[in-house]
C-alpha atoms as a PDB file:
ATOM      1  CA  MET A   1     119.631 110.658 124.904  1.00  0.00           C
ATOM      2  CA  TYR A   2     118.337 112.915 122.048  1.00  0.00           C
ATOM      3  CA  ASP A   3     118.204 112.192 118.468  1.00  0.00           C
ATOM      4  CA  ILE A   4     120.085 114.235 115.786  1.00  0.00           C
ATOM      5  CA  SER A   5     116.967 116.217 114.481  1.00  0.00           C
ATOM      6  CA  THR A   6     116.113 117.151 118.048  1.00  0.00           C
ATOM      7  CA  ARG A   7     119.497 118.458 118.558  1.00  0.00           C
ATOM      8  CA  ARG A   8     119.576 120.471 115.500  1.00  0.00           C
ATOM      9  CA  ARG A   9     116.194 122.109 116.287  1.00  0.00           C
ATOM     10  CA  ALA A  10     117.482 123.115 119.625  1.00  0.00           C
ATOM     11  CA  LEU A  11     120.692 124.465 118.310  1.00  0.00           C
ATOM     12  CA  ALA A  12     118.677 126.545 115.793  1.00  0.00           C
ATOM     13  CA  LEU A  13     116.830 128.185 118.530  1.00  0.00           C
ATOM     14  CA  VAL A  14     120.278 128.884 120.399  1.00  0.00           C
ATOM     15  CA  ASP A  15     121.760 130.386 117.079  1.00  0.00           C
ATOM     16  CA  GLN A  16     118.702 132.791 116.960  1.00  0.00           C
ATOM     17  CA  GLY A  17     119.986 134.371 119.965  1.00  0.00           C
ATOM     18  CA  ARG A  18     117.703 132.958 122.532  1.00  0.00           C
ATOM     19  CA  SER A  19     119.109 132.064 125.978  1.00  0.00           C
ATOM     20  CA  LEU A  20     119.795 128.558 127.152  1.00  0.00           C
ATOM     21  CA  SER A  21     117.136 128.934 129.778  1.00  0.00           C
ATOM     22  CA  SER A  22     114.497 129.970 127.487  1.00  0.00           C
ATOM     23  CA  VAL A  23     115.395 127.224 125.024  1.00  0.00           C
ATOM     24  CA  SER A  24     115.433 124.733 127.865  1.00  0.00           C
ATOM     25  CA  ARG A  25     111.825 125.815 128.816  1.00  0.00           C
ATOM     26  CA  LYS A  26     110.729 125.389 125.411  1.00  0.00           C
ATOM     27  CA  THR A  27     112.222 122.092 124.589  1.00  0.00           C
ATOM     28  CA  GLY A  28     112.569 120.327 127.867  1.00  0.00           C
ATOM     29  CA  ILE A  29     116.234 119.837 127.393  1.00  0.00           C
ATOM     30  CA  SER A  30     118.518 120.650 130.252  1.00  0.00           C
ATOM     31  CA  ARG A  31     120.813 123.868 130.072  1.00  0.00           C
ATOM     32  CA  SER A  32     123.887 121.638 130.585  1.00  0.00           C
ATOM     33  CA  ALA A  33     123.074 119.534 127.434  1.00  0.00           C
ATOM     34  CA  LEU A  34     122.276 122.604 125.428  1.00  0.00           C
ATOM     35  CA  ARG A  35     125.545 124.046 126.629  1.00  0.00           C
ATOM     36  CA  ALA A  36     127.616 121.077 125.640  1.00  0.00           C
ATOM     37  CA  TRP A  37     125.940 120.926 122.290  1.00  0.00           C
ATOM     38  CA  ARG A  38     126.737 124.675 121.688  1.00  0.00           C
ATOM     39  CA  ASN A  39     130.316 124.172 122.524  1.00  0.00           C
ATOM     40  CA  ARG A  40     130.614 121.120 120.421  1.00  0.00           C
ATOM     41  CA  PRO A  41     128.145 121.402 117.419  1.00  0.00           C
ATOM     42  CA  ASP A  42     129.535 118.942 115.271  1.00  0.00           C
ATOM     43  CA  ALA A  43     129.532 116.073 118.041  1.00  0.00           C
ATOM     44  CA  THR A  44     127.099 113.266 117.140  1.00  0.00           C
ATOM     45  CA  PRO A  45     125.962 110.667 119.401  1.00  0.00           C
ATOM     46  CA  THR A  46     127.229 107.016 119.020  1.00  0.00           C
ATOM     47  CA  PRO A  47     126.941 103.908 120.809  1.00  0.00           C
ATOM     48  CA  GLU A  48     130.448 104.197 122.160  1.00  0.00           C
ATOM     49  CA  SER A  49     129.848 107.884 123.331  1.00  0.00           C
ATOM     50  CA  HIS A  50     127.207 106.375 125.610  1.00  0.00           C
ATOM     51  CA  HIS A  51     129.316 103.450 127.027  1.00  0.00           C
ATOM     52  CA  LEU A  52     127.309 100.978 125.099  1.00  0.00           C
ATOM     53  CA  GLY A  53     129.728  99.770 122.472  1.00  0.00           C
ATOM     54  CA  PRO A  54     128.828  98.448 118.919  1.00  0.00           C
ATOM     55  CA  PRO A  55     125.927  96.220 118.285  1.00  0.00           C
ATOM     56  CA  ALA A  56     126.799  92.669 119.309  1.00  0.00           C
ATOM     57  CA  CYS A  57     126.035  91.422 115.841  1.00  0.00           C
ATOM     58  CA  GLU A  58     126.402  93.954 113.011  1.00  0.00           C
ATOM     59  CA  ARG A  59     124.847  91.794 110.336  1.00  0.00           C
ATOM     60  CA  ALA A  60     121.753  91.454 112.550  1.00  0.00           C
ATOM     61  CA  TYR A  61     121.798  95.156 113.326  1.00  0.00           C
ATOM     62  CA  ALA A  62     121.761  96.066 109.415  1.00  0.00           C
ATOM     63  CA  TYR A  63     118.650  93.932 109.149  1.00  0.00           C
ATOM     64  CA  LEU A  64     117.004  95.461 112.213  1.00  0.00           C
ATOM     65  CA  LEU A  65     117.901  98.967 110.930  1.00  0.00           C
ATOM     66  CA  GLY A  66     115.988  98.130 107.819  1.00  0.00           C
ATOM     67  CA  LEU A  67     112.960  96.911 109.774  1.00  0.00           C
ATOM     68  CA  TYR A  68     113.146  99.956 112.100  1.00  0.00           C
ATOM     69  CA  LEU A  69     113.224 102.583 109.187  1.00  0.00           C
ATOM     70  CA  GLY A  70     110.295 100.868 107.588  1.00  0.00           C
ATOM     71  CA  ASP A  71     107.955  99.855 110.452  1.00  0.00           C
ATOM     72  CA  GLY A  72     109.620 100.554 113.650  1.00  0.00           C
ATOM     73  CA  CYS A  73     109.440 103.193 116.382  1.00  0.00           C
ATOM     74  CA  ILE A  74     110.883 103.998 119.789  1.00  0.00           C
ATOM     75  CA  SER A  75     108.884 105.419 122.678  1.00  0.00           C
ATOM     76  CA  ALA A  76     109.808 106.465 126.117  1.00  0.00           C
ATOM     77  CA  HIS A  77     108.840 104.529 129.372  1.00  0.00           C
ATOM     78  CA  PRO A  78     107.349 106.917 131.994  1.00  0.00           C
ATOM     79  CA  ARG A  79     109.996 105.602 134.467  1.00  0.00           C
ATOM     80  CA  GLY A  80     113.019 105.757 132.214  1.00  0.00           C
ATOM     81  CA  GLY A  81     114.356 103.801 129.370  1.00  0.00           C
ATOM     82  CA  HIS A  82     112.691 103.158 125.925  1.00  0.00           C
ATOM     83  CA  TYR A  83     110.780 100.647 124.093  1.00  0.00           C
ATOM     84  CA  LEU A  84     111.627  99.463 120.532  1.00  0.00           C
ATOM     85  CA  ARG A  85     108.474  98.403 118.570  1.00  0.00           C
ATOM     86  CA  ILE A  86     108.432  96.905 115.084  1.00  0.00           C
ATOM     87  CA  ALA A  87     105.165  96.212 113.561  1.00  0.00           C
ATOM     88  CA  CYS A  88     105.048  92.739 111.800  1.00  0.00           C
ATOM     89  CA  ALA A  89     102.113  91.483 109.902  1.00  0.00           C
ATOM     90  CA  ASP A  90     100.346  88.342 110.922  1.00  0.00           C
ATOM     91  CA  ALA A  91     100.538  87.180 107.401  1.00  0.00           C
ATOM     92  CA  TRP A  92     104.166  86.721 107.823  1.00  0.00           C
ATOM     93  CA  PRO A  93     105.093  84.544 110.846  1.00  0.00           C
ATOM     94  CA  GLY A  94     108.577  83.967 109.686  1.00  0.00           C
ATOM     95  CA  LEU A  95     109.186  87.778 109.583  1.00  0.00           C
ATOM     96  CA  ILE A  96     107.932  88.002 113.145  1.00  0.00           C
ATOM     97  CA  ASP A  97     110.542  85.158 114.037  1.00  0.00           C
ATOM     98  CA  GLU A  98     113.207  86.915 112.171  1.00  0.00           C
ATOM     99  CA  CYS A  99     112.640  90.319 113.852  1.00  0.00           C
ATOM    100  CA  ARG A 100     112.787  88.722 117.262  1.00  0.00           C
ATOM    101  CA  GLU A 101     115.845  87.016 116.500  1.00  0.00           C
ATOM    102  CA  ALA A 102     117.555  90.083 115.149  1.00  0.00           C
ATOM    103  CA  ILE A 103     116.651  92.029 118.553  1.00  0.00           C
ATOM    104  CA  THR A 104     118.216  89.325 120.673  1.00  0.00           C
ATOM    105  CA  ARG A 105     121.411  89.160 118.551  1.00  0.00           C
ATOM    106  CA  VAL A 106     121.766  93.044 118.722  1.00  0.00           C
ATOM    107  CA  ARG A 107     121.013  93.047 122.394  1.00  0.00           C
ATOM    108  CA  PRO A 108     121.991  89.676 123.861  1.00  0.00           C
ATOM    109  CA  GLY A 109     119.815  89.021 127.014  1.00  0.00           C
ATOM    110  CA  ALA A 110     117.072  91.532 125.948  1.00  0.00           C
ATOM    111  CA  LYS A 111     113.629  90.501 126.534  1.00  0.00           C
ATOM    112  CA  VAL A 112     111.283  90.459 123.515  1.00  0.00           C
ATOM    113  CA  SER A 113     107.546  90.242 123.623  1.00  0.00           C
ATOM    114  CA  LEU A 114     104.717  90.194 121.105  1.00  0.00           C
ATOM    115  CA  VAL A 115     101.760  92.496 121.522  1.00  0.00           C
ATOM    116  CA  PRO A 116      98.813  91.656 119.330  1.00  0.00           C
ATOM    117  CA  LYS A 117      97.273  94.447 117.330  1.00  0.00           C
ATOM    118  CA  GLN A 118      94.721  94.403 114.483  1.00  0.00           C
ATOM    119  CA  GLY A 119      96.324  92.398 111.764  1.00  0.00           C
ATOM    120  CA  CYS A 120      99.949  92.394 113.254  1.00  0.00           C
ATOM    121  CA  ARG A 121     102.133  91.818 116.218  1.00  0.00           C
ATOM    122  CA  MET A 122     104.246  94.618 117.710  1.00  0.00           C
ATOM    123  CA  VAL A 123     107.629  93.043 118.289  1.00  0.00           C
ATOM    124  CA  THR A 124     108.583  94.901 121.397  1.00  0.00           C
ATOM    125  CA  SER A 125     111.826  95.013 123.517  1.00  0.00           C
ATOM    126  CA  TYR A 126     112.614  97.499 126.406  1.00  0.00           C
ATOM    127  CA  SER A 127     116.235  99.095 126.885  1.00  0.00           C
ATOM    128  CA  ARG A 128     117.579 102.327 127.858  1.00  0.00           C
ATOM    129  CA  HIS A 129     119.947 102.022 124.924  1.00  0.00           C
ATOM    130  CA  TRP A 130     117.644 101.927 121.994  1.00  0.00           C
ATOM    131  CA  PRO A 131     117.822 105.694 121.278  1.00  0.00           C
ATOM    132  CA  ALA A 132     121.642 105.422 120.964  1.00  0.00           C
ATOM    133  CA  LEU A 133     121.341 102.407 118.749  1.00  0.00           C
ATOM    134  CA  PHE A 134     118.806 104.042 116.582  1.00  0.00           C
ATOM    135  CA  PRO A 135     119.659 107.838 116.640  1.00  0.00           C
ATOM    136  CA  GLN A 136     117.101 108.496 113.890  1.00  0.00           C
ATOM    137  CA  HIS A 137     114.543 108.298 116.635  1.00  0.00           C
ATOM    138  CA  GLY A 138     112.675 111.664 117.090  1.00  0.00           C
ATOM    139  CA  PRO A 139     109.152 113.105 117.498  1.00  0.00           C
ATOM    140  CA  GLY A 140     106.747 113.034 114.575  1.00  0.00           C
ATOM    141  CA  LYS A 141     106.604 110.792 111.500  1.00  0.00           C
ATOM    142  CA  LYS A 142     109.839 109.771 109.742  1.00  0.00           C
ATOM    143  CA  HIS A 143     108.870 111.224 106.430  1.00  0.00           C
ATOM    144  CA  LEU A 144     108.292 114.670 108.104  1.00  0.00           C
ATOM    145  CA  ARG A 145     111.983 114.830 109.388  1.00  0.00           C
ATOM    146  CA  ASP A 146     115.521 114.229 108.212  1.00  0.00           C
ATOM    147  CA  ILE A 147     116.549 110.671 108.283  1.00  0.00           C
ATOM    148  CA  VAL A 148     120.393 110.406 108.044  1.00  0.00           C
ATOM    149  CA  LEU A 149     122.706 107.484 109.065  1.00  0.00           C
ATOM    150  CA  GLU A 150     125.528 108.107 111.586  1.00  0.00           C
ATOM    151  CA  GLY A 151     128.952 107.401 110.408  1.00  0.00           C
ATOM    152  CA  TRP A 152     129.166 104.070 112.437  1.00  0.00           C
ATOM    153  CA  GLN A 153     125.738 103.006 111.009  1.00  0.00           C
ATOM    154  CA  GLN A 154     126.810 103.628 107.352  1.00  0.00           C
ATOM    155  CA  THR A 155     129.981 101.523 107.959  1.00  0.00           C
ATOM    156  CA  ILE A 156     127.744  98.712 109.192  1.00  0.00           C
ATOM    157  CA  VAL A 157     125.317  99.172 106.165  1.00  0.00           C
ATOM    158  CA  ASP A 158     128.286  99.171 103.669  1.00  0.00           C
ATOM    159  CA  ALA A 159     129.649  96.009 105.115  1.00  0.00           C
ATOM    160  CA  HIS A 160     126.139  94.319 105.142  1.00  0.00           C
ATOM    161  CA  PRO A 161     124.089  95.864 102.364  1.00  0.00           C
ATOM    162  CA  TRP A 162     122.153  92.873 101.671  1.00  0.00           C
ATOM    163  CA  GLU A 163     120.952  92.603 105.293  1.00  0.00           C
ATOM    164  CA  PHE A 164     119.888  96.191 105.181  1.00  0.00           C
ATOM    165  CA  ILE A 165     117.996  95.724 101.870  1.00  0.00           C
ATOM    166  CA  ARG A 166     116.202  92.684 103.067  1.00  0.00           C
ATOM    167  CA  GLY A 167     115.081  94.489 106.191  1.00  0.00           C
ATOM    168  CA  LEU A 168     113.556  97.315 104.254  1.00  0.00           C
ATOM    169  CA  ILE A 169     111.926  94.942 101.914  1.00  0.00           C
ATOM    170  CA  HIS A 170     110.624  92.875 104.717  1.00  0.00           C
ATOM    171  CA  SER A 171     109.149  96.127 106.165  1.00  0.00           C
ATOM    172  CA  ASP A 172     108.063  98.195 103.302  1.00  0.00           C
ATOM    173  CA  GLY A 173     108.531  96.162 100.310  1.00  0.00           C
ATOM    174  CA  CYS A 174     107.258  93.008  98.571  1.00  0.00           C
ATOM    175  CA  ARG A 175     108.045  90.405  95.837  1.00  0.00           C
ATOM    176  CA  THR A 176     104.961  90.248  93.462  1.00  0.00           C
ATOM    177  CA  VAL A 177     104.208  88.431  90.097  1.00  0.00           C
ATOM    178  CA  ASN A 178     103.179  90.731  87.244  1.00  0.00           C
ATOM    179  CA  TRP A 179     101.543  89.764  84.137  1.00  0.00           C
ATOM    180  CA  ALA A 180     101.523  91.315  80.586  1.00  0.00           C
ATOM    181  CA  THR A 181     100.371  90.472  77.155  1.00  0.00           C
ATOM    182  CA  ARG A 182     102.145  90.469  73.920  1.00  0.00           C
ATOM    183  CA  VAL A 183     101.547  89.287  70.369  1.00  0.00           C
ATOM    184  CA  VAL A 184     103.556  86.257  69.188  1.00  0.00           C
ATOM    185  CA  ALA A 185     102.986  84.794  65.781  1.00  0.00           C
ATOM    186  CA  GLY A 186      99.799  86.962  65.346  1.00  0.00           C
ATOM    187  CA  GLU A 187      98.263  85.616  68.530  1.00  0.00           C
ATOM    188  CA  ARG A 188      98.171  87.497  71.886  1.00  0.00           C
ATOM    189  CA  ARG A 189      99.555  85.650  74.708  1.00  0.00           C
ATOM    190  CA  CYS A 190      99.773  86.329  78.352  1.00  0.00           C
ATOM    191  CA  HIS A 191     103.023  85.977  80.388  1.00  0.00           C
ATOM    192  CA  THR A 192     104.048  86.584  83.993  1.00  0.00           C
ATOM    193  CA  TYR A 193     107.328  87.657  85.537  1.00  0.00           C
ATOM    194  CA  PRO A 194     108.302  88.438  89.173  1.00  0.00           C
ATOM    195  CA  ARG A 195     109.495  91.789  90.543  1.00  0.00           C
ATOM    196  CA  TYR A 196     110.143  93.601  93.682  1.00  0.00           C
ATOM    197  CA  PHE A 197     108.653  96.902  95.015  1.00  0.00           C
ATOM    198  CA  PHE A 198     109.523  99.180  97.875  1.00  0.00           C
ATOM    199  CA  THR A 199     107.308 102.038  98.970  1.00  0.00           C
ATOM    200  CA  ASN A 200     108.054 104.684 101.530  1.00  0.00           C
ATOM    201  CA  LEU A 201     107.038 108.207 101.940  1.00  0.00           C
ATOM    202  CA  SER A 202     110.383 109.311 103.210  1.00  0.00           C
ATOM    203  CA  ALA A 203     112.838 110.491 100.249  1.00  0.00           C
ATOM    204  CA  ASP A 204     115.604 110.009 102.797  1.00  0.00           C
ATOM    205  CA  ILE A 205     114.904 106.275 103.410  1.00  0.00           C
ATOM    206  CA  THR A 206     114.198 105.778  99.879  1.00  0.00           C
ATOM    207  CA  GLY A 207     117.499 107.123  99.055  1.00  0.00           C
ATOM    208  CA  LEU A 208     119.166 104.979 101.587  1.00  0.00           C
ATOM    209  CA  PHE A 209     117.334 101.982  99.995  1.00  0.00           C
ATOM    210  CA  THR A 210     118.445 102.777  96.420  1.00  0.00           C
ATOM    211  CA  SER A 211     121.992 103.555  97.503  1.00  0.00           C
ATOM    212  CA  ALA A 212     122.301 100.127  98.874  1.00  0.00           C
ATOM    213  CA  LEU A 213     120.819  98.637  95.647  1.00  0.00           C
ATOM    214  CA  ASP A 214     123.345 100.537  93.667  1.00  0.00           C
ATOM    215  CA  ARG A 215     126.182  99.169  95.996  1.00  0.00           C
ATOM    216  CA  VAL A 216     125.286  95.535  95.141  1.00  0.00           C
ATOM    217  CA  GLY A 217     124.576  96.074  91.415  1.00  0.00           C
ATOM    218  CA  VAL A 218     120.733  95.907  91.471  1.00  0.00           C
ATOM    219  CA  GLU A 219     119.264  97.898  88.907  1.00  0.00           C
ATOM    220  CA  TRP A 220     116.002  99.804  89.943  1.00  0.00           C
ATOM    221  CA  ALA A 221     113.479 102.401  88.561  1.00  0.00           C
ATOM    222  CA  TRP A 222     110.808 104.560  89.726  1.00  0.00           C
ATOM    223  CA  ALA A 223     107.315 103.237  89.561  1.00  0.00           C
ATOM    224  CA  GLY A 224     105.229 106.379  90.161  1.00  0.00           C
ATOM    225  CA  THR A 225     106.082 109.055  92.584  1.00  0.00           C
ATOM    226  CA  ARG A 226     107.070 106.962  95.596  1.00  0.00           C
ATOM    227  CA  ASN A 227     107.408 103.302  94.585  1.00  0.00           C
ATOM    228  CA  ILE A 228     110.727 101.602  93.620  1.00  0.00           C
ATOM    229  CA  SER A 229     110.517  98.820  91.106  1.00  0.00           C
ATOM    230  CA  ILE A 230     113.119  96.133  90.541  1.00  0.00           C
ATOM    231  CA  ALA A 231     112.010  94.080  87.450  1.00  0.00           C
ATOM    232  CA  ARG A 232     115.089  93.370  85.389  1.00  0.00           C
ATOM    233  CA  LYS A 233     115.663  89.533  85.212  1.00  0.00           C
ATOM    234  CA  ALA A 234     119.383  89.695  86.580  1.00  0.00           C
ATOM    235  CA  SER A 235     118.512  91.914  89.381  1.00  0.00           C
ATOM    236  CA  VAL A 236     115.416  90.011  90.252  1.00  0.00           C
ATOM    237  CA  ALA A 237     117.614  86.986  90.458  1.00  0.00           C
ATOM    238  CA  LEU A 238     119.895  88.827  92.848  1.00  0.00           C
ATOM    239  CA  MET A 239     117.156  89.834  95.042  1.00  0.00           C
ATOM    240  CA  ASP A 240     115.859  86.075  95.121  1.00  0.00           C
ATOM    241  CA  LEU A 241     119.141  85.002  96.064  1.00  0.00           C
ATOM    242  CA  HIS A 242     119.636  87.431  99.074  1.00  0.00           C
ATOM    243  CA  VAL A 243     116.278  88.658  99.883  1.00  0.00           C
ATOM    244  CA  GLY A 244     113.397  86.447  98.650  1.00  0.00           C
ATOM    245  CA  PRO A 245     109.724  86.928  99.575  1.00  0.00           C
ATOM    246  CA  LYS A 246     108.360  87.325 102.965  1.00  0.00           C
ATOM    247  CA  TYR A 247     107.210  84.086 104.575  1.00  0.00           C
END
């Protein structure tokens, strides 16, 4: 199973006039796969096309997708199959539990283990189906390649936008309390207010986040070049109702 970006790069080489054999040697992709992609360039992988079917729980999948886009990766096992790994900070044990639960709801019966790392736990699960469930998987860092949802993924996110937002906040976001000063009746006073931040180097992932916010009516603003801020009182109240702080 190859992700969309790998397929596009391989087809670009074919479009340059290179033979299937030379592209196969360069990429490690079989000639039969290259031939199928060349003959059906618009075909995109979906769980159904790999006899997997949709995620067992779409609500849990929307949350897990947010976690994966923020702090997840997929790596191949030497003997076949793949590991899904989500990095969860030790400071938030509730997040670790929610991540484990989401994986088991998306793939009932899947074994989930915790691998300790410095300051975090890698919530890890093995399955040959993870690349089909997360076709954004590919070589290199996410912010250096295109991150685009498949049609079936977008349908799930549209149906469960809050779960998707929650997963993204739980991975690359936070709820903080800011303070500011203002003059009241000639006296300078300090006041505090809550706000949410989301930070990700990928413009594509940030775009997915802000699109989901727009869908649920949350007002947001840029805070610098890569930070999204949610500070308006009504929007923070919505986020508190559906997302809340990490725990």
